[in-house]
């Protein structure tokens, strides 16, 4: 007996990794750091003069731990 189409579709999504939630560092920073998020991103953008790929690196981070470690250097206390 064939599986219903929606079950097969879900199985294919799972195999392709499409049902996993993608991590977005910018959303994470906004959620965790609140009002400081704009300041953090401005500081990262300022650093682009010295490192042109820094913002791309920031947006490509894949975990909360990586993101926290990365933004530590861009937070003004």
N, C-alpha and C. Protein backbone atom coordinates (compact mmCIF):
# COMPACT_ATOMS: atom_id res chain seq x y z
N UNK A 1 0.84 -1.18 0.00
CA UNK A 1 0.00 0.00 0.00
C UNK A 1 0.89 1.26 0.00
N UNK A 2 0.57 2.21 -0.84
CA UNK A 2 1.33 3.45 -0.94
C UNK A 2 1.05 4.37 0.25
N UNK A 3 2.09 5.09 0.64
CA UNK A 3 1.91 6.09 1.70
C UNK A 3 1.13 7.27 1.13
N UNK A 4 0.32 7.92 1.96
CA UNK A 4 -0.34 9.14 1.50
C UNK A 4 0.71 10.17 1.07
N UNK A 5 0.36 10.99 0.12
CA UNK A 5 1.29 11.95 -0.46
C UNK A 5 1.89 12.89 0.59
N UNK A 6 1.09 13.37 1.54
CA UNK A 6 1.62 14.31 2.53
C UNK A 6 2.65 13.64 3.45
N UNK A 7 2.49 12.35 3.75
CA UNK A 7 3.48 11.64 4.56
C UNK A 7 4.78 11.48 3.78
N UNK A 8 4.66 11.18 2.50
CA UNK A 8 5.85 11.05 1.66
C UNK A 8 6.56 12.40 1.53
N UNK A 9 5.80 13.45 1.40
CA UNK A 9 6.37 14.79 1.31
C UNK A 9 7.14 15.13 2.59
N UNK A 10 6.55 14.85 3.75
CA UNK A 10 7.21 15.11 5.03
C UNK A 10 8.49 14.29 5.16
N UNK A 11 8.43 13.05 4.69
CA UNK A 11 9.61 12.19 4.74
C UNK A 11 10.73 12.76 3.88
N UNK A 12 10.39 13.26 2.71
CA UNK A 12 11.39 13.84 1.81
C UNK A 12 11.97 15.14 2.40
N UNK A 13 11.13 15.95 3.04
CA UNK A 13 11.61 17.17 3.68
C UNK A 13 12.62 16.83 4.78
N UNK A 14 12.29 15.81 5.56
CA UNK A 14 13.18 15.42 6.65
C UNK A 14 14.51 14.93 6.09
N UNK A 15 14.47 14.13 5.05
CA UNK A 15 15.70 13.64 4.43
C UNK A 15 16.55 14.79 3.90
N UNK A 16 15.90 15.80 3.37
CA UNK A 16 16.61 16.95 2.81
C UNK A 16 17.00 17.96 3.88
N UNK A 17 16.56 17.75 5.11
CA UNK A 17 16.88 18.68 6.19
C UNK A 17 16.05 19.95 6.14
N UNK A 18 14.95 19.93 5.43
CA UNK A 18 14.15 21.14 5.25
C UNK A 18 13.22 21.44 6.42
N UNK A 19 13.02 20.47 7.29
CA UNK A 19 12.13 20.73 8.41
C UNK A 19 12.89 21.27 9.63
N UNK A 20 14.20 21.37 9.51
CA UNK A 20 14.99 21.92 10.60
C UNK A 20 14.92 23.45 10.55
N UNK A 21 14.83 24.03 11.72
CA UNK A 21 14.78 25.50 11.82
C UNK A 21 16.17 26.06 11.56
N UNK A 22 16.27 27.02 10.67
CA UNK A 22 17.55 27.65 10.37
C UNK A 22 17.86 28.69 11.44
N UNK A 23 19.11 28.75 11.84
CA UNK A 23 19.55 29.73 12.83
C UNK A 23 19.91 31.03 12.12
N UNK A 24 19.39 32.14 12.60
CA UNK A 24 19.72 33.45 12.04
C UNK A 24 20.36 34.29 13.13
N UNK A 25 21.65 34.57 12.97
CA UNK A 25 22.38 35.30 14.00
C UNK A 25 21.79 36.68 14.28
N UNK A 26 21.34 37.36 13.25
CA UNK A 26 20.78 38.71 13.45
C UNK A 26 19.51 38.66 14.30
N UNK A 27 18.65 37.71 14.03
CA UNK A 27 17.44 37.56 14.85
C UNK A 27 17.78 37.19 16.28
N UNK A 28 18.76 36.32 16.43
CA UNK A 28 19.19 35.90 17.77
C UNK A 28 19.73 37.10 18.55
N UNK A 29 20.56 37.92 17.92
CA UNK A 29 21.14 39.08 18.60
C UNK A 29 20.03 40.06 18.99
N UNK A 30 19.08 40.29 18.10
CA UNK A 30 17.97 41.19 18.43
C UNK A 30 17.18 40.67 19.61
N UNK A 31 16.97 39.37 19.65
CA UNK A 31 16.19 38.78 20.72
C UNK A 31 16.96 38.79 22.04
N UNK A 32 18.23 38.44 22.00
CA UNK A 32 19.01 38.32 23.24
C UNK A 32 19.48 39.67 23.78
N UNK A 33 19.94 40.54 22.89
CA UNK A 33 20.57 41.78 23.33
C UNK A 33 19.65 42.99 23.27
N UNK A 34 18.46 42.82 22.72
CA UNK A 34 17.46 43.87 22.72
C UNK A 34 17.94 45.18 22.14
N UNK A 35 17.90 46.24 22.93
CA UNK A 35 18.26 47.59 22.47
C UNK A 35 19.71 47.70 22.03
N UNK A 36 20.57 46.84 22.51
CA UNK A 36 21.99 46.89 22.14
C UNK A 36 22.25 46.31 20.74
N UNK A 37 21.27 45.63 20.17
CA UNK A 37 21.46 44.96 18.88
C UNK A 37 21.87 45.94 17.78
N UNK A 38 21.23 47.10 17.73
CA UNK A 38 21.58 48.10 16.70
C UNK A 38 23.00 48.59 16.89
N UNK A 39 23.38 48.81 18.13
CA UNK A 39 24.75 49.25 18.43
C UNK A 39 25.76 48.18 18.03
N UNK A 40 25.45 46.92 18.33
CA UNK A 40 26.35 45.82 17.97
C UNK A 40 26.52 45.76 16.46
N UNK A 41 25.42 45.81 15.73
CA UNK A 41 25.52 45.73 14.27
C UNK A 41 26.22 46.95 13.69
N UNK A 42 26.02 48.12 14.27
CA UNK A 42 26.72 49.32 13.81
C UNK A 42 28.22 49.16 14.03
N UNK A 43 28.60 48.61 15.16
CA UNK A 43 30.03 48.39 15.45
C UNK A 43 30.63 47.36 14.48
N UNK A 44 29.87 46.34 14.14
CA UNK A 44 30.35 45.35 13.16
C UNK A 44 30.52 46.02 11.80
N UNK A 45 29.55 46.84 11.40
CA UNK A 45 29.65 47.54 10.12
C UNK A 45 30.85 48.49 10.11
N UNK A 46 31.13 49.16 11.23
CA UNK A 46 32.30 50.04 11.32
C UNK A 46 33.60 49.27 11.10
N UNK A 47 33.61 48.03 11.52
CA UNK A 47 34.81 47.20 11.40
C UNK A 47 35.06 46.75 9.95
N UNK A 48 34.06 46.93 9.09
CA UNK A 48 34.20 46.50 7.69
C UNK A 48 35.34 47.22 6.96
N UNK A 49 35.72 48.40 7.42
CA UNK A 49 36.87 49.08 6.80
C UNK A 49 38.14 48.26 6.95
N UNK A 50 38.28 47.59 8.08
CA UNK A 50 39.47 46.77 8.34
C UNK A 50 39.31 45.33 7.86
N UNK A 51 38.08 44.85 7.83
CA UNK A 51 37.79 43.47 7.44
C UNK A 51 36.51 43.46 6.60
N UNK A 52 36.64 43.54 5.29
CA UNK A 52 35.47 43.69 4.41
C UNK A 52 34.43 42.57 4.52
N UNK A 53 34.80 41.41 5.02
CA UNK A 53 33.87 40.28 5.07
C UNK A 53 33.27 40.06 6.46
N UNK A 54 33.50 40.98 7.37
CA UNK A 54 33.09 40.77 8.76
C UNK A 54 31.57 40.64 8.91
N UNK A 55 30.79 41.44 8.18
CA UNK A 55 29.34 41.37 8.32
C UNK A 55 28.82 40.06 7.73
N UNK A 56 29.42 39.62 6.63
CA UNK A 56 29.04 38.32 6.05
C UNK A 56 29.34 37.19 7.04
N UNK A 57 30.48 37.30 7.69
CA UNK A 57 30.83 36.30 8.70
C UNK A 57 29.79 36.30 9.82
N UNK A 58 29.43 37.48 10.29
CA UNK A 58 28.43 37.63 11.34
C UNK A 58 27.10 36.98 10.96
N UNK A 59 26.65 37.24 9.75
CA UNK A 59 25.35 36.71 9.33
C UNK A 59 25.40 35.22 9.00
N UNK A 60 26.59 34.65 8.89
CA UNK A 60 26.70 33.23 8.56
C UNK A 60 26.90 32.34 9.79
N UNK A 61 26.97 32.94 10.97
CA UNK A 61 27.13 32.14 12.19
C UNK A 61 25.95 31.20 12.35
N UNK A 62 26.22 30.00 12.85
CA UNK A 62 25.20 28.96 12.85
C UNK A 62 24.68 28.55 14.22
N UNK A 63 25.29 29.04 15.29
CA UNK A 63 24.81 28.67 16.62
C UNK A 63 24.80 29.89 17.53
N UNK A 64 24.04 29.77 18.61
CA UNK A 64 23.98 30.85 19.60
C UNK A 64 25.34 31.05 20.25
N UNK A 65 26.04 29.96 20.53
CA UNK A 65 27.36 30.06 21.17
C UNK A 65 28.36 30.80 20.28
N UNK A 66 28.40 30.45 18.99
CA UNK A 66 29.28 31.15 18.05
C UNK A 66 28.94 32.64 18.00
N UNK A 67 27.66 32.94 17.98
CA UNK A 67 27.21 34.32 17.88
C UNK A 67 27.59 35.10 19.14
N UNK A 68 27.37 34.52 20.31
CA UNK A 68 27.74 35.19 21.56
C UNK A 68 29.23 35.48 21.60
N UNK A 69 30.03 34.49 21.22
CA UNK A 69 31.49 34.68 21.21
C UNK A 69 31.89 35.78 20.24
N UNK A 70 31.25 35.81 19.09
CA UNK A 70 31.57 36.79 18.06
C UNK A 70 31.22 38.22 18.50
N UNK A 71 30.02 38.41 19.04
CA UNK A 71 29.56 39.78 19.36
C UNK A 71 30.20 40.35 20.62
N UNK A 72 30.85 39.52 21.43
CA UNK A 72 31.51 40.02 22.65
C UNK A 72 32.42 41.20 22.34
N UNK A 73 33.12 41.14 21.24
CA UNK A 73 34.05 42.18 20.87
C UNK A 73 33.39 43.44 20.31
N UNK A 74 32.09 43.39 20.12
CA UNK A 74 31.38 44.54 19.53
C UNK A 74 30.37 45.18 20.47
N UNK A 75 30.44 44.80 21.74
CA UNK A 75 29.52 45.37 22.73
C UNK A 75 30.27 46.42 23.54
N UNK A 76 29.72 47.63 23.58
CA UNK A 76 30.28 48.69 24.40
C UNK A 76 29.62 48.64 25.77
N UNK A 77 30.42 48.44 26.78
CA UNK A 77 29.85 48.39 28.13
C UNK A 77 29.72 49.74 28.75
